[in-house]
Protein backbone atom coordinates (compact mmCIF):
# COMPACT_ATOMS: atom_id res chain seq x y z
CA MET A 1 0.00 0.00 0.00
CA PHE A 2 1.36 3.41 -1.00
CA ILE A 3 0.38 6.83 0.37
CA ASN A 4 0.71 9.28 -2.50
CA ASN A 5 1.00 13.02 -1.98
CA ASN A 6 -1.66 13.76 -4.63
CA GLY A 7 -4.59 12.77 -2.42
CA ASN A 8 -4.80 9.02 -2.97
CA ILE A 9 -3.69 5.61 -1.79
CA THR A 10 -2.68 2.93 -4.30
CA PHE A 11 -2.00 -0.78 -4.07
CA GLY A 12 0.76 -2.62 -5.93
CA GLY A 13 2.87 0.44 -6.65
CA ALA A 14 3.34 4.14 -6.02
CA PHE A 15 1.48 6.62 -8.22
CA SER A 16 2.63 10.11 -9.12
CA SER A 17 0.01 11.33 -11.61
CA PHE A 18 -1.41 14.66 -10.48
CA SER A 19 -4.25 15.05 -13.02
CA SER A 20 -7.14 12.74 -12.22
CA THR A 21 -8.94 10.69 -14.86
CA GLY A 22 -12.12 9.85 -12.99
CA PHE A 23 -13.43 6.31 -12.55
CA PRO A 24 -13.50 3.63 -13.74
CA ASN A 25 -10.11 3.11 -15.29
CA ALA A 26 -8.18 -0.07 -15.95
CA ASN A 27 -4.84 1.08 -14.61
CA ASN A 28 -5.00 1.97 -10.92
CA VAL A 29 -6.10 0.13 -7.80
CA MET A 30 -6.85 3.21 -5.78
CA ILE A 31 -8.75 4.83 -2.93
CA ALA A 32 -8.92 8.55 -3.64
CA PRO A 33 -10.26 10.85 -0.94
CA PHE A 34 -9.22 13.74 -3.21
CA TRP A 35 -7.09 12.94 -6.25
CA ALA A 36 -5.69 16.26 -7.43
CA ASP A 37 -2.41 18.18 -7.75
CA VAL A 38 -1.51 18.48 -4.07
CA ASP A 39 1.68 20.44 -3.40
CA THR A 40 2.93 20.48 0.19
CA ARG A 41 5.95 22.68 -0.55
CA GLY A 42 3.88 25.82 0.00
CA SER A 43 1.52 24.59 2.71
CA GLY A 44 0.44 21.48 4.58
CA GLN A 45 1.60 18.03 5.52
CA VAL A 46 0.50 14.42 5.03
CA TRP A 47 0.29 12.32 8.18
CA TYR A 48 -0.56 8.69 8.81
CA LYS A 49 -1.25 6.49 11.80
CA VAL A 50 -1.49 2.69 11.97
CA THR A 51 -3.36 0.80 14.69
CA ALA A 52 -4.09 -2.91 15.08
CA THR A 53 -7.32 -2.55 13.09
CA ALA A 54 -7.07 0.65 11.06
CA LEU A 55 -4.98 3.03 8.96
CA TYR A 56 -5.57 6.80 9.13
CA VAL A 57 -4.11 9.17 6.53
CA ASN A 58 -4.62 12.92 6.88
CA TRP A 59 -3.85 15.61 4.32
CA VAL A 60 -3.77 18.71 6.54
CA ASP A 61 -3.99 22.25 5.09
CA VAL A 62 -2.40 21.13 1.83
CA GLY A 63 -1.89 23.59 -1.01
CA TYR A 64 -1.82 23.06 -4.75
CA PHE A 65 0.77 23.17 -7.52
CA SER A 66 2.94 25.14 -7.88
CA SER A 67 3.69 25.77 -4.18
CA GLN A 68 0.43 27.70 -3.79
CA SER A 69 -0.91 28.28 -0.27
CA ASP A 70 -3.62 30.92 -0.73
CA LYS A 71 -6.19 28.11 -0.63
CA VAL A 72 -5.78 24.87 1.34
CA ASN A 73 -7.65 21.57 1.74
CA THR A 74 -7.95 19.24 4.73
CA PHE A 75 -9.25 15.68 4.27
CA GLN A 76 -8.78 12.13 5.55
CA VAL A 77 -9.10 8.50 4.54
CA ILE A 78 -9.60 5.67 7.05
CA ILE A 79 -9.11 2.02 6.10
CA THR A 80 -10.07 -0.68 8.59
CA ASN A 81 -10.28 -4.46 8.78
CA GLY A 82 -14.09 -4.24 8.73
CA SER A 83 -14.55 -4.65 12.47
CA ASP A 84 -13.20 -1.38 13.87
CA PRO A 85 -16.05 0.60 15.49
CA ILE A 86 -14.74 3.89 14.06
CA LEU A 87 -16.50 2.99 10.77
CA GLY A 88 -18.92 0.36 12.06
CA VAL A 89 -18.85 -3.38 11.56
CA GLY A 90 -19.01 -4.31 7.88
CA ASN A 91 -17.49 -1.05 6.62
CA ASN A 92 -13.82 -0.72 5.76
CA VAL A 93 -13.35 2.71 4.14
CA GLY A 94 -14.20 6.17 5.42
CA LEU A 95 -13.61 9.50 3.68
CA CYS A 96 -13.82 12.64 5.82
CA TYR A 97 -13.52 16.33 4.92
CA GLN A 98 -13.03 19.64 6.65
CA ASP A 99 -12.64 22.90 4.71
CA MET A 100 -12.00 22.28 0.99
CA GLN A 101 -10.87 25.45 -0.77
CA TRP A 102 -9.32 24.41 -4.10
CA SER A 103 -9.89 21.80 -6.81
CA THR A 104 -7.08 22.01 -9.38
CA GLY A 105 -3.36 22.72 -9.61
CA ASN A 106 -1.73 24.82 -12.30
CA ALA A 107 -0.11 21.82 -14.02
CA SER A 108 -3.58 20.32 -14.47
CA GLY A 109 -4.80 23.37 -16.35
CA GLY A 110 -6.06 25.21 -13.30
CA SER A 111 -5.70 28.86 -12.39
CA GLY A 112 -5.98 30.14 -8.86
CA GLY A 113 -6.96 26.65 -7.68
CA PHE A 114 -9.87 26.09 -10.08
CA GLY A 115 -10.67 25.07 -13.66
CA GLY A 116 -8.70 22.61 -15.77
CA THR A 117 -8.90 18.88 -15.09
CA PRO A 118 -11.38 18.13 -12.28
CA SER A 119 -10.28 16.43 -9.09
CA SER A 120 -11.77 12.99 -8.34
CA VAL A 121 -13.21 11.38 -5.21
CA GLY A 122 -13.85 7.65 -5.20
CA MET A 123 -12.38 4.16 -5.45
CA ASN A 124 -11.19 2.05 -8.35
CA ARG A 125 -10.40 -1.66 -8.56
CA GLY A 126 -8.23 -1.23 -11.65
CA ASN A 127 -10.13 -3.59 -13.95
CA GLY A 128 -12.15 -0.96 -15.81
CA ILE A 129 -15.38 -2.37 -14.37
CA ASP A 130 -15.52 -2.14 -10.57
CA TYR A 131 -15.41 1.37 -9.13
CA PHE A 132 -17.16 3.87 -6.91
CA GLN A 133 -17.21 7.54 -7.94
CA ILE A 134 -18.58 10.20 -5.59
CA THR A 135 -17.72 13.53 -7.20
CA ARG A 136 -15.40 15.42 -9.54
CA ASN A 137 -14.70 19.08 -8.79
CA ASP A 138 -13.32 22.02 -10.77
CA HIS A 139 -14.75 25.16 -9.18
CA ALA A 140 -15.81 26.79 -5.92
CA GLY A 141 -19.37 26.39 -4.67
CA ILE A 142 -21.74 23.83 -3.17
CA ASP A 143 -23.48 22.75 -6.40
CA TYR A 144 -23.72 18.99 -6.92
CA ASP A 145 -25.57 17.08 -9.62
CA GLY A 146 -24.35 13.57 -8.86
CA PRO A 147 -21.19 11.55 -9.48
CA PHE A 148 -21.51 11.50 -13.27
CA GLY A 149 -22.98 14.86 -14.18
CA ASN A 150 -21.10 18.11 -14.61
CA ALA A 151 -18.07 18.81 -12.43
CA ASP A 152 -19.22 19.91 -8.98
CA GLY A 153 -18.28 22.67 -6.55
CA VAL A 154 -15.49 21.61 -4.21
CA ASP A 155 -17.20 23.29 -1.23
CA TRP A 156 -19.89 20.60 -1.47
CA LEU A 157 -17.40 18.32 0.30
CA ASP A 158 -17.02 20.61 3.33
CA ASP A 159 -17.67 18.76 6.61
CA LYS A 160 -19.00 15.69 4.80
CA ASN A 161 -17.98 12.09 5.26
CA PHE A 162 -18.68 8.82 3.49
CA VAL A 163 -18.50 5.33 4.99
CA LEU A 164 -18.73 2.17 2.91
CA SER A 165 -17.40 -1.29 2.22
CA THR A 166 -15.17 -2.09 -0.75
CA SER A 167 -15.50 -5.81 -0.03
CA THR A 168 -18.89 -6.31 -1.66
CA THR A 169 -19.17 -9.52 -3.65
CA THR A 170 -22.35 -8.55 -5.50
CA VAL A 171 -22.51 -6.87 -8.90
CA ASN A 172 -24.77 -4.15 -7.48
CA VAL A 173 -23.20 -1.57 -5.17
CA ALA A 174 -25.52 -0.33 -2.44
CA PRO A 175 -26.37 3.39 -2.19
CA LEU A 176 -24.00 5.45 -0.08
CA ALA A 177 -25.24 7.52 2.86
CA ALA A 178 -23.42 10.83 3.14
CA GLY A 179 -23.76 12.79 6.36
CA THR A 180 -21.95 15.28 8.53
CA ALA A 181 -21.59 13.20 11.67
CA GLN A 182 -20.62 9.66 10.72
CA CYS A 183 -16.98 10.17 11.69
CA ASP A 184 -17.86 11.88 14.97
CA THR A 185 -19.76 11.10 18.16
CA VAL A 186 -23.08 12.93 18.50
CA VAL A 187 -24.28 13.48 22.07
CA VAL A 188 -27.93 14.43 22.59
CA CYS A 189 -29.18 14.97 26.12
CA THR A 190 -32.71 14.21 27.35
CA GLY A 191 -35.12 16.88 26.21
CA GLN A 192 -32.89 18.15 23.43
CA LEU A 193 -33.58 17.88 19.71
CA THR A 194 -31.04 17.63 16.92
CA ASP A 195 -31.28 17.44 13.15
CA ILE A 196 -28.86 15.22 11.25
CA GLU A 197 -29.07 15.49 7.49
CA PHE A 198 -28.10 12.67 5.16
CA SER A 199 -28.09 12.40 1.41
CA PHE A 200 -27.93 9.08 -0.44
CA LEU A 201 -25.72 8.74 -3.49
CA SER A 202 -26.13 6.29 -6.36
CA PRO A 203 -22.59 5.07 -7.01
CA GLU A 204 -23.24 3.42 -10.36
CA ASN A 205 -23.87 5.33 -13.57
CA GLY A 206 -27.62 5.27 -14.29
CA GLN A 207 -28.54 3.95 -10.84
CA VAL A 208 -31.50 5.55 -9.06
CA THR A 209 -31.77 5.68 -5.27
CA THR A 210 -35.07 6.20 -3.41
CA ALA A 211 -34.80 7.01 0.32
CA THR A 212 -37.51 6.29 2.90
CA THR A 213 -37.60 6.76 6.67
CA MET A 214 -38.90 4.54 9.46
CA HIS A 215 -39.81 5.58 13.00
CA PRO A 216 -39.56 3.12 15.93
């Protein structure tokens, strides 16, 4: 497993490409919390921690190429053995985001952190078939029209997190719940009310997700 500076983790070999291609592709076995032209020479660091059941990798206040620090991104990927309670039993990948301020480096056709080749968020098995795409981003803003529509606003990722399993053995990938509290503990005292908002993403091109609620 290789931690690459450009916002992704690959398996089988290191990966230096800074312009993302989106998913699926037949070349890279990858988990990409934010595949883009990260440049830590101007700002930020990449940290990792390994426990008995999980790997944490944090890109903290990272800038973009070339050595730009006027906008910075902070994001994280967690990989577990499927039993660590941080992601819940049955899940093995978590993607978490704080403030996301840029989408594209200059070498990817960007200017001032935007434009050019969009960044990519998702996972790819490297066979051209099995993948999970969440968003591609090339501009500021919170607009989002799904994983396979137009490029989205990078601010849509702010304070979001995604938890899922990459170990599915079925041909159909289940919808992904995206919320703002899955990576954190939420404490609600007696008599208090809290609203937690979730959206549900359809990870496969052409897939439609219908959400319903149940009350105990």
